[in-house]
């Protein structure tokens, strides 16, 4: 199959489980931070390793994407696995679309406190028609329509929010697949809340780059780059219940803390 899979990885042994679930003959690239032992084991299994710096998911994604030799690329993470048939379905979707997105299932673990709450909250967010990673597939002829690069190098986190906005602004149709899924490992509450802060930081960086300093556009992007906004909370309440809604409010507070922390303290330039 003439498609590549770029797996973003930072010293994560779970990458081998991700690779195990790849059920098609495809090129596999590990876009990873330097780890000599892990790199040698991957290369022994025929995996191409593309080294990248730590702490910038846009660079990690772009390095893996650019290392691919095919015109079609799926981007995922080392803490995900593919459900059977997912890769073939994404590849078929690219026959008619330049972008396709598989669904994401956040798994639950009774041994991880609040993993069900996090899973339900992420399930709502990932049901929205936005281009979330992991689990997207793209054709390389998309790039001229969205500014020449897949991800925006200066944006360290919330890289998919930036990409999704540029795809929408360019009017590029996206194939959202309801019958193809990747599975994400259970996520602890602390990890998810830490991610909320980082995503807020990344969205502020993205807003500044996309707006080119236009303050009115920055204010617009503050809403446009965020998946769930205040107006969506009644829908969250109806579909997911009070607990998930209250958790979303807490998540949002940490998101905006990160957003304004970047605004005033410039932790990423």
Protein backbone atom coordinates (compact mmCIF):
# COMPACT_ATOMS: atom_id res chain seq x y z
CA UNK A 1 0.00 0.00 0.00
CA UNK A 2 1.48 3.35 -1.07
CA UNK A 3 0.94 5.15 2.22
CA UNK A 4 3.29 5.96 5.10
CA UNK A 5 2.58 5.99 8.83
CA UNK A 6 4.49 8.52 10.92
CA UNK A 7 4.43 7.67 14.63
CA UNK A 8 5.32 10.50 16.99
CA UNK A 9 7.33 9.10 19.88
CA UNK A 10 9.33 10.31 22.87
CA UNK A 11 11.15 7.41 24.55
CA UNK A 12 7.94 5.37 24.60
CA UNK A 13 8.07 1.57 24.56
CA UNK A 14 4.39 1.52 23.63
CA UNK A 15 5.40 2.29 20.06
CA UNK A 16 5.91 -1.45 19.52
CA UNK A 17 2.27 -2.10 20.44
CA UNK A 18 1.21 0.59 17.98
CA UNK A 19 3.32 -1.02 15.26
CA UNK A 20 1.87 -4.45 16.09
CA UNK A 21 -1.62 -3.20 15.16
CA UNK A 22 -0.59 -1.93 11.71
CA UNK A 23 -2.38 -4.44 9.49
CA UNK A 24 -1.20 -3.27 6.07
CA UNK A 25 2.15 -3.39 4.27
CA UNK A 26 3.15 0.26 4.64
CA UNK A 27 6.20 2.40 5.26
CA UNK A 28 6.57 3.12 9.00
CA UNK A 29 8.49 6.09 10.37
CA UNK A 30 9.22 6.77 14.02
CA UNK A 31 9.56 10.52 14.53
CA UNK A 32 11.34 10.38 17.85
CA UNK A 33 13.61 12.07 20.33
CA UNK A 34 17.10 10.58 20.50
CA UNK A 35 17.24 7.20 22.22
CA UNK A 36 19.98 4.94 20.89
CA UNK A 37 18.59 1.69 22.30
CA UNK A 38 15.04 2.30 21.09
CA UNK A 39 16.30 3.47 17.70
CA UNK A 40 18.38 0.32 17.17
CA UNK A 41 15.47 -1.96 18.09
CA UNK A 42 13.12 -0.11 15.75
CA UNK A 43 15.57 -0.15 12.86
CA UNK A 44 16.08 -3.91 13.32
CA UNK A 45 12.35 -4.21 12.65
CA UNK A 46 12.63 -2.21 9.43
CA UNK A 47 11.34 1.04 10.91
CA UNK A 48 12.81 4.33 9.69
CA UNK A 49 13.80 6.59 12.58
CA UNK A 50 13.68 10.37 12.09
CA UNK A 51 15.19 12.22 15.04
CA UNK A 52 13.55 15.39 16.32
CA UNK A 53 13.96 17.83 19.21
CA UNK A 54 11.92 17.44 22.38
CA UNK A 55 9.08 19.76 23.33
CA UNK A 56 7.66 20.83 19.98
CA UNK A 57 4.95 18.61 18.53
CA UNK A 58 4.76 20.58 15.28
CA UNK A 59 8.43 19.87 14.54
CA UNK A 60 8.03 16.23 15.57
CA UNK A 61 5.05 15.87 13.23
CA UNK A 62 6.65 17.69 10.29
CA UNK A 63 9.91 15.75 10.57
CA UNK A 64 8.06 12.44 10.40
CA UNK A 65 5.83 13.68 7.59
CA UNK A 66 8.75 14.96 5.53
CA UNK A 67 10.74 11.75 6.05
CA UNK A 68 8.01 9.73 4.32
CA UNK A 69 8.55 8.57 0.76
CA UNK A 70 4.86 8.30 -0.16
CA UNK A 71 2.40 11.01 -1.16
CA UNK A 72 -0.05 9.83 1.50
CA UNK A 73 0.74 9.90 5.21
CA UNK A 74 -1.08 8.88 8.38
CA UNK A 75 0.06 10.61 11.57
CA UNK A 76 -0.44 8.96 14.93
CA UNK A 77 1.21 8.67 18.36
CA UNK A 78 3.09 5.92 20.13
CA UNK A 79 0.36 5.62 22.77
CA UNK A 80 -2.30 4.67 20.21
CA UNK A 81 -3.26 1.50 18.38
CA UNK A 82 -5.16 0.95 15.13
CA UNK A 83 -8.41 -0.95 15.03
CA UNK A 84 -8.52 -3.58 12.25
CA UNK A 85 -9.21 -2.04 8.84
CA UNK A 86 -8.61 1.54 9.96
CA UNK A 87 -5.55 2.09 7.78
CA UNK A 88 -7.26 0.75 4.63
CA UNK A 89 -10.30 2.95 5.26
CA UNK A 90 -8.17 6.06 5.70
CA UNK A 91 -6.30 5.23 2.51
CA UNK A 92 -9.54 4.81 0.55
CA UNK A 93 -10.84 8.12 1.89
CA UNK A 94 -7.80 9.84 0.40
CA UNK A 95 -8.95 8.79 -3.07
CA UNK A 96 -11.60 11.52 -2.86
CA UNK A 97 -10.28 13.86 -0.12
CA UNK A 98 -6.96 15.45 0.69
CA UNK A 99 -7.59 15.04 4.43
CA UNK A 100 -9.26 12.21 6.35
CA UNK A 101 -9.69 11.70 10.07
CA UNK A 102 -10.33 8.51 11.97
CA UNK A 103 -12.28 8.56 15.20
CA UNK A 104 -10.36 8.42 18.48
CA UNK A 105 -11.43 6.12 21.30
CA UNK A 106 -9.97 7.05 24.68
CA UNK A 107 -9.85 3.80 26.62
CA UNK A 108 -10.73 3.47 30.31
CA UNK A 109 -8.90 1.67 33.12
CA UNK A 110 -10.55 1.07 36.50
CA UNK A 111 -7.08 1.21 38.03
CA UNK A 112 -6.57 4.80 36.90
CA UNK A 113 -8.59 7.27 38.94
CA UNK A 114 -11.08 9.31 36.88
CA UNK A 115 -10.04 7.69 33.59
CA UNK A 116 -13.74 7.21 32.74
CA UNK A 117 -14.39 10.93 33.31
CA UNK A 118 -11.46 11.91 31.09
CA UNK A 119 -12.52 9.37 28.45
CA UNK A 120 -16.06 10.74 28.30
CA UNK A 121 -14.83 14.33 28.09
CA UNK A 122 -12.38 13.53 25.31
CA UNK A 123 -15.07 11.52 23.52
CA UNK A 124 -17.24 14.64 23.30
CA UNK A 125 -14.40 16.81 22.01
CA UNK A 126 -13.33 14.24 19.44
CA UNK A 127 -16.90 13.95 18.13
CA UNK A 128 -16.61 17.50 16.79
CA UNK A 129 -15.87 18.00 13.06
CA UNK A 130 -12.30 19.18 13.64
CA UNK A 131 -9.00 17.81 12.38
CA UNK A 132 -7.59 16.28 15.55
CA UNK A 133 -4.39 14.32 15.77
CA UNK A 134 -3.54 11.54 16.23
CA UNK A 135 -5.32 9.63 13.51
CA UNK A 136 -5.30 11.95 10.52
CA UNK A 137 -4.35 11.01 6.98
CA UNK A 138 -3.28 13.59 4.41
CA UNK A 139 -2.16 13.82 0.82
CA UNK A 140 0.90 15.94 0.19
CA UNK A 141 -0.87 17.96 -2.48
CA UNK A 142 -2.76 19.56 0.42
CA UNK A 143 0.26 21.68 1.38
CA UNK A 144 0.02 24.46 -1.25
CA UNK A 145 -3.55 25.18 -0.09
CA UNK A 146 -2.66 25.65 3.59
CA UNK A 147 0.51 27.72 3.47
CA UNK A 148 3.16 25.22 2.33
CA UNK A 149 3.66 23.16 5.49
CA UNK A 150 1.51 20.64 7.29
CA UNK A 151 2.06 21.89 10.83
CA UNK A 152 3.15 25.35 11.93
CA UNK A 153 6.71 24.93 13.25
CA UNK A 154 6.58 27.68 15.92
CA UNK A 155 3.48 26.14 17.54
CA UNK A 156 4.65 23.69 20.24
CA UNK A 157 1.27 22.30 21.39
CA UNK A 158 -2.32 22.36 20.08
CA UNK A 159 -0.76 21.73 16.70
CA UNK A 160 -3.96 20.18 15.36
CA UNK A 161 -6.00 23.26 16.31
CA UNK A 162 -3.71 25.37 14.13
CA UNK A 163 -3.87 22.83 11.29
CA UNK A 164 -7.65 22.47 11.54
CA UNK A 165 -8.12 26.23 11.36
CA UNK A 166 -5.91 26.55 8.25
CA UNK A 167 -7.75 23.68 6.54
CA UNK A 168 -11.14 25.29 7.26
CA UNK A 169 -9.89 28.71 6.14
CA UNK A 170 -8.72 27.19 2.84
CA UNK A 171 -12.11 25.53 2.30
CA UNK A 172 -10.60 22.05 2.03
CA UNK A 173 -13.21 19.33 2.63
CA UNK A 174 -12.33 16.67 5.23
CA UNK A 175 -13.50 13.05 5.30
CA UNK A 176 -14.56 12.30 8.89
CA UNK A 177 -14.75 8.52 9.13
CA UNK A 178 -17.35 7.02 11.45
CA UNK A 179 -16.30 3.41 10.87
CA UNK A 180 -12.52 3.74 11.37
CA UNK A 181 -10.92 4.26 14.77
CA UNK A 182 -7.67 4.42 16.61
CA UNK A 183 -7.54 3.69 20.33
CA UNK A 184 -5.71 5.89 22.84
CA UNK A 185 -4.39 4.47 26.10
CA UNK A 186 -6.27 5.48 29.28
CA UNK A 187 -5.35 8.98 30.42
CA UNK A 188 -4.92 10.02 34.05
CA UNK A 189 -6.67 13.15 35.29
CA UNK A 190 -3.41 14.90 36.15
CA UNK A 191 -2.00 14.26 32.68
CA UNK A 192 -5.14 15.57 30.96
CA UNK A 193 -5.20 18.75 33.05
CA UNK A 194 -1.52 19.36 32.38
CA UNK A 195 -2.30 18.95 28.69
CA UNK A 196 -5.04 21.60 29.02
CA UNK A 197 -2.46 24.17 30.14
CA UNK A 198 -0.06 23.26 27.32
CA UNK A 199 -2.84 23.40 24.74
CA UNK A 200 -3.73 26.88 25.96
CA UNK A 201 -0.10 27.93 25.53
CA UNK A 202 0.00 26.46 22.03
CA UNK A 203 -3.25 28.12 20.97
CA UNK A 204 -1.92 31.53 22.01
CA UNK A 205 1.26 30.97 19.99
CA UNK A 206 -0.88 29.85 17.06
CA UNK A 207 -3.19 32.87 17.33
CA UNK A 208 -0.27 35.25 17.21
CA UNK A 209 1.27 33.61 14.15
CA UNK A 210 -1.99 33.21 12.26
CA UNK A 211 -3.08 36.79 12.95
CA UNK A 212 0.22 38.48 12.03
CA UNK A 213 -0.34 40.88 14.93
CA UNK A 214 -3.94 41.82 14.09
CA UNK A 215 -5.50 42.17 17.56
CA UNK A 216 -9.08 41.77 16.38
CA UNK A 217 -8.14 38.53 14.64
CA UNK A 218 -6.35 37.32 17.76
CA UNK A 219 -9.59 37.79 19.70
CA UNK A 220 -11.48 35.80 17.06
CA UNK A 221 -8.87 33.04 17.03
CA UNK A 222 -9.10 32.69 20.80
CA UNK A 223 -12.52 31.11 20.18
CA UNK A 224 -11.85 29.54 16.78
CA UNK A 225 -8.86 27.51 17.95
CA UNK A 226 -10.69 25.99 20.90
CA UNK A 227 -12.79 22.88 20.38
CA UNK A 228 -15.38 23.34 23.13
CA UNK A 229 -16.57 26.87 23.99
CA UNK A 230 -19.03 28.17 26.59
CA UNK A 231 -21.92 27.97 24.11
CA UNK A 232 -21.30 24.22 23.83
CA UNK A 233 -21.65 23.45 27.54
CA UNK A 234 -25.44 22.85 27.40
CA UNK A 235 -24.81 20.25 24.71
CA UNK A 236 -22.07 18.65 26.82
CA UNK A 237 -24.53 18.52 29.73
CA UNK A 238 -27.22 16.90 27.60
CA UNK A 239 -24.94 14.30 26.04
CA UNK A 240 -22.43 13.57 28.80
CA UNK A 241 -24.02 14.64 32.07
CA UNK A 242 -23.15 17.00 34.90
CA UNK A 243 -19.85 15.39 35.93
CA UNK A 244 -18.30 15.71 32.48
CA UNK A 245 -19.64 19.26 32.11
CA UNK A 246 -18.04 20.34 35.42
CA UNK A 247 -14.82 18.67 34.39
CA UNK A 248 -14.90 20.51 31.06
CA UNK A 249 -15.25 23.80 32.96
CA UNK A 250 -12.18 22.90 35.08
CA UNK A 251 -10.28 21.88 31.94
CA UNK A 252 -11.20 25.19 30.32
CA UNK A 253 -9.89 27.17 33.28
CA UNK A 254 -6.48 25.54 32.93
CA UNK A 255 -6.60 26.04 29.16
CA UNK A 256 -7.14 29.79 29.59
CA UNK A 257 -4.49 29.90 32.30
CA UNK A 258 -2.01 28.53 29.75
CA UNK A 259 -3.30 30.85 27.05
CA UNK A 260 -2.80 33.97 29.17
CA UNK A 261 0.44 32.70 30.70
CA UNK A 262 1.88 32.59 27.19
CA UNK A 263 0.40 35.99 26.42
CA UNK A 264 2.11 37.71 29.35
CA UNK A 265 5.21 35.62 30.05
CA UNK A 266 6.21 34.50 26.53
CA UNK A 267 7.40 31.03 27.48
CA UNK A 268 7.49 30.07 23.77
CA UNK A 269 8.70 32.40 21.05
